Each structure stands twice: as C-alpha cells, then as structure tokens.
C-alpha cells in the first residue's frame, strides 16, 4: 500500500495482491519503523460496522474502514476508488480516498502488481 497525506487528506493506493488479502482476510496492513523504535502502522479493514469510509487514529495506527457492501463491489469492478469527506469538529473536513494503484510510468518501480488495465492512456506523474 502507498500512503499519501496533505492537510486533512489521506490517500491510500492498493495493489492487486492487497485487494486479494482484503477479500480473503478483511485486513491489509503496512508499517513504518522509525529510528526511535516507534512503529507507525496503517491499515485497510473491511467492516460490517461502518456505513461509509471511516478513519481512526490510535496507538500509532491509522485504520481506514471500508463498508463491506461497497468494498465487495469495488474489489471486482473497474471502479478505481472509494472516496468521502468526514466533517470535523472545527468546521473542516477530512478527505479520504482509497484507490487501486496504477503503474507509475515516470519512475522505475515494480509495476507487475498494479492495475494497468485501469490506467489512463497518457502517463500521469505519481
């Protein structure tokens, strides 16, 4: 998985093999270890308990929950992503976007596990 953030915006890009893990186990997780021995984890979780995309941050872990019905449709379709805005107490919104990962044509990386078939004809910078 790839995680991108900016002010009140979280974007996660998911590879094909990670979609399979979500289908089979309902969870896919990634971690980043820092020199101070702190480990930050982020995960996608399929949930029966949520009606829309949701995000929780606790104990150095970010968990994005996907509603089961929507996730099941998304897994096997040409739908690229799932997206929502969540109202915050300060009047702003948290933007969540979970999408299938396209190959980055402008840099070297393993592209075999990406959604070539859904990628635009023209190269987009990643």
Protein backbone atom coordinates (compact mmCIF):
# COMPACT_ATOMS: atom_id res chain seq x y z
CA UNK A 1 0.00 0.00 0.00
CA UNK A 2 1.02 3.56 -0.56
CA UNK A 3 0.02 6.33 1.83
CA UNK A 4 -0.12 9.99 0.87
CA UNK A 5 -1.24 12.79 3.11
CA UNK A 6 -1.68 16.53 2.97
CA UNK A 7 -3.74 18.87 5.14
CA UNK A 8 -6.81 16.88 6.23
CA UNK A 9 -6.45 14.47 3.32
CA UNK A 10 -5.48 10.79 3.33
CA UNK A 11 -4.98 8.83 0.12
CA UNK A 12 -4.20 5.12 0.06
CA UNK A 13 -3.30 3.26 -3.11
CA UNK A 14 -3.82 -0.50 -3.08
CA UNK A 15 -2.11 -3.10 -5.28
CA UNK A 16 -3.80 -6.17 -6.75
CA UNK A 17 -2.29 -8.57 -4.21
CA UNK A 18 -3.54 -6.34 -1.38
CA UNK A 19 -7.08 -6.44 -2.81
CA UNK A 20 -6.83 -10.25 -2.63
CA UNK A 21 -5.76 -10.03 1.03
CA UNK A 22 -8.69 -7.72 1.77
CA UNK A 23 -11.07 -10.17 0.12
CA UNK A 24 -9.66 -13.19 1.95
CA UNK A 25 -8.82 -11.75 5.38
CA UNK A 26 -10.66 -8.42 5.60
CA UNK A 27 -7.43 -6.60 6.52
CA UNK A 28 -4.22 -5.41 4.94
CA UNK A 29 -1.59 -3.58 6.98
CA UNK A 30 1.69 -1.77 6.39
CA UNK A 31 4.20 -0.44 8.92
CA UNK A 32 7.00 2.09 9.07
CA UNK A 33 9.70 1.83 11.72
CA UNK A 34 11.44 4.99 12.87
CA UNK A 35 14.95 5.26 14.35
CA UNK A 36 13.41 5.92 17.79
CA UNK A 37 11.89 2.40 17.65
CA UNK A 38 8.41 3.86 17.17
CA UNK A 39 6.39 1.92 14.63
CA UNK A 40 3.62 3.65 12.68
CA UNK A 41 1.05 1.30 11.16
CA UNK A 42 -1.67 1.97 8.64
CA UNK A 43 -4.33 -0.48 7.61
CA UNK A 44 -7.39 -1.01 5.48
CA UNK A 45 -10.12 -3.05 7.12
CA UNK A 46 -13.36 -4.35 5.68
CA UNK A 47 -16.07 -3.75 8.26
CA UNK A 48 -19.70 -4.70 8.76
CA UNK A 49 -19.96 -1.91 11.33
CA UNK A 50 -19.50 1.13 9.09
CA UNK A 51 -21.84 2.68 6.54
CA UNK A 52 -19.13 4.67 4.77
CA UNK A 53 -15.39 5.09 4.68
CA UNK A 54 -14.11 5.91 8.14
CA UNK A 55 -10.75 6.66 9.75
CA UNK A 56 -9.45 6.13 13.26
CA UNK A 57 -6.02 7.01 14.65
CA UNK A 58 -4.95 5.36 17.89
CA UNK A 59 -1.76 3.90 19.36
CA UNK A 60 0.39 4.93 16.37
CA UNK A 61 -2.03 3.18 14.00
CA UNK A 62 -4.25 4.62 11.29
CA UNK A 63 -7.14 2.33 10.40
CA UNK A 64 -9.31 3.09 7.39
CA UNK A 65 -12.53 1.07 7.47
CA UNK A 66 -14.31 0.13 4.26
CA UNK A 67 -18.00 -0.76 4.40
CA UNK A 68 -18.33 -4.42 3.43
CA UNK A 69 -21.04 -3.99 0.76
CA UNK A 70 -19.20 -1.19 -1.05
CA UNK A 71 -15.81 -2.92 -0.72
CA UNK A 72 -17.17 -6.17 -2.17
CA UNK A 73 -18.47 -4.30 -5.23
CA UNK A 74 -15.20 -2.35 -5.58
CA UNK A 75 -12.91 -5.40 -5.44
CA UNK A 76 -14.09 -6.98 -8.70
CA UNK A 77 -15.13 -3.93 -10.69
CA UNK A 78 -13.49 -1.28 -12.84
CA UNK A 79 -14.30 1.26 -10.16
CA UNK A 80 -10.99 2.94 -9.34
CA UNK A 81 -11.67 4.24 -5.86
CA UNK A 82 -13.82 4.91 -2.87
CA UNK A 83 -13.94 8.45 -1.52
CA UNK A 84 -15.62 10.50 1.18
CA UNK A 85 -15.39 13.68 3.25
CA UNK A 86 -15.92 13.45 7.01
CA UNK A 87 -16.99 16.54 8.94
CA UNK A 88 -14.62 17.58 11.73
CA UNK A 89 -15.45 19.41 14.95
CA UNK A 90 -13.59 22.53 13.80
CA UNK A 91 -15.78 23.01 10.71
CA UNK A 92 -13.26 21.47 8.32
CA UNK A 93 -13.43 18.08 6.63
CA UNK A 94 -11.19 15.02 6.48
CA UNK A 95 -10.92 13.78 2.90
CA UNK A 96 -10.42 10.01 2.48
CA UNK A 97 -9.57 8.36 -0.82
CA UNK A 98 -8.79 4.66 -1.26
CA UNK A 99 -7.96 3.67 -4.81
CA UNK A 100 -6.49 0.93 -6.92
CA UNK A 101 -2.83 1.56 -7.67
CA UNK A 102 -1.86 2.45 -11.22
CA UNK A 103 1.65 1.95 -12.57
CA UNK A 104 3.94 4.99 -12.34
CA UNK A 105 5.36 5.32 -15.82
CA UNK A 106 7.70 8.19 -14.96
CA UNK A 107 9.89 6.29 -12.45
CA UNK A 108 11.32 2.83 -12.01
CA UNK A 109 9.32 0.53 -9.75
CA UNK A 110 7.81 -2.93 -9.86
CA UNK A 111 4.65 -2.39 -11.90
CA UNK A 112 3.54 -6.03 -12.08
CA UNK A 113 1.09 -5.77 -9.16
CA UNK A 114 -0.69 -2.62 -10.35
CA UNK A 115 -3.91 -2.05 -12.27
CA UNK A 116 -2.52 -1.49 -15.79
CA UNK A 117 -5.92 -2.19 -17.29
CA UNK A 118 -7.49 0.77 -15.49
CA UNK A 119 -4.64 3.23 -16.06
CA UNK A 120 -5.14 6.20 -18.37
CA UNK A 121 -3.54 6.09 -21.80
CA UNK A 122 -1.35 9.09 -21.05
CA UNK A 123 1.23 8.87 -18.32
CA UNK A 124 0.45 10.75 -15.12
CA UNK A 125 3.20 11.77 -12.76
CA UNK A 126 2.93 9.87 -9.50
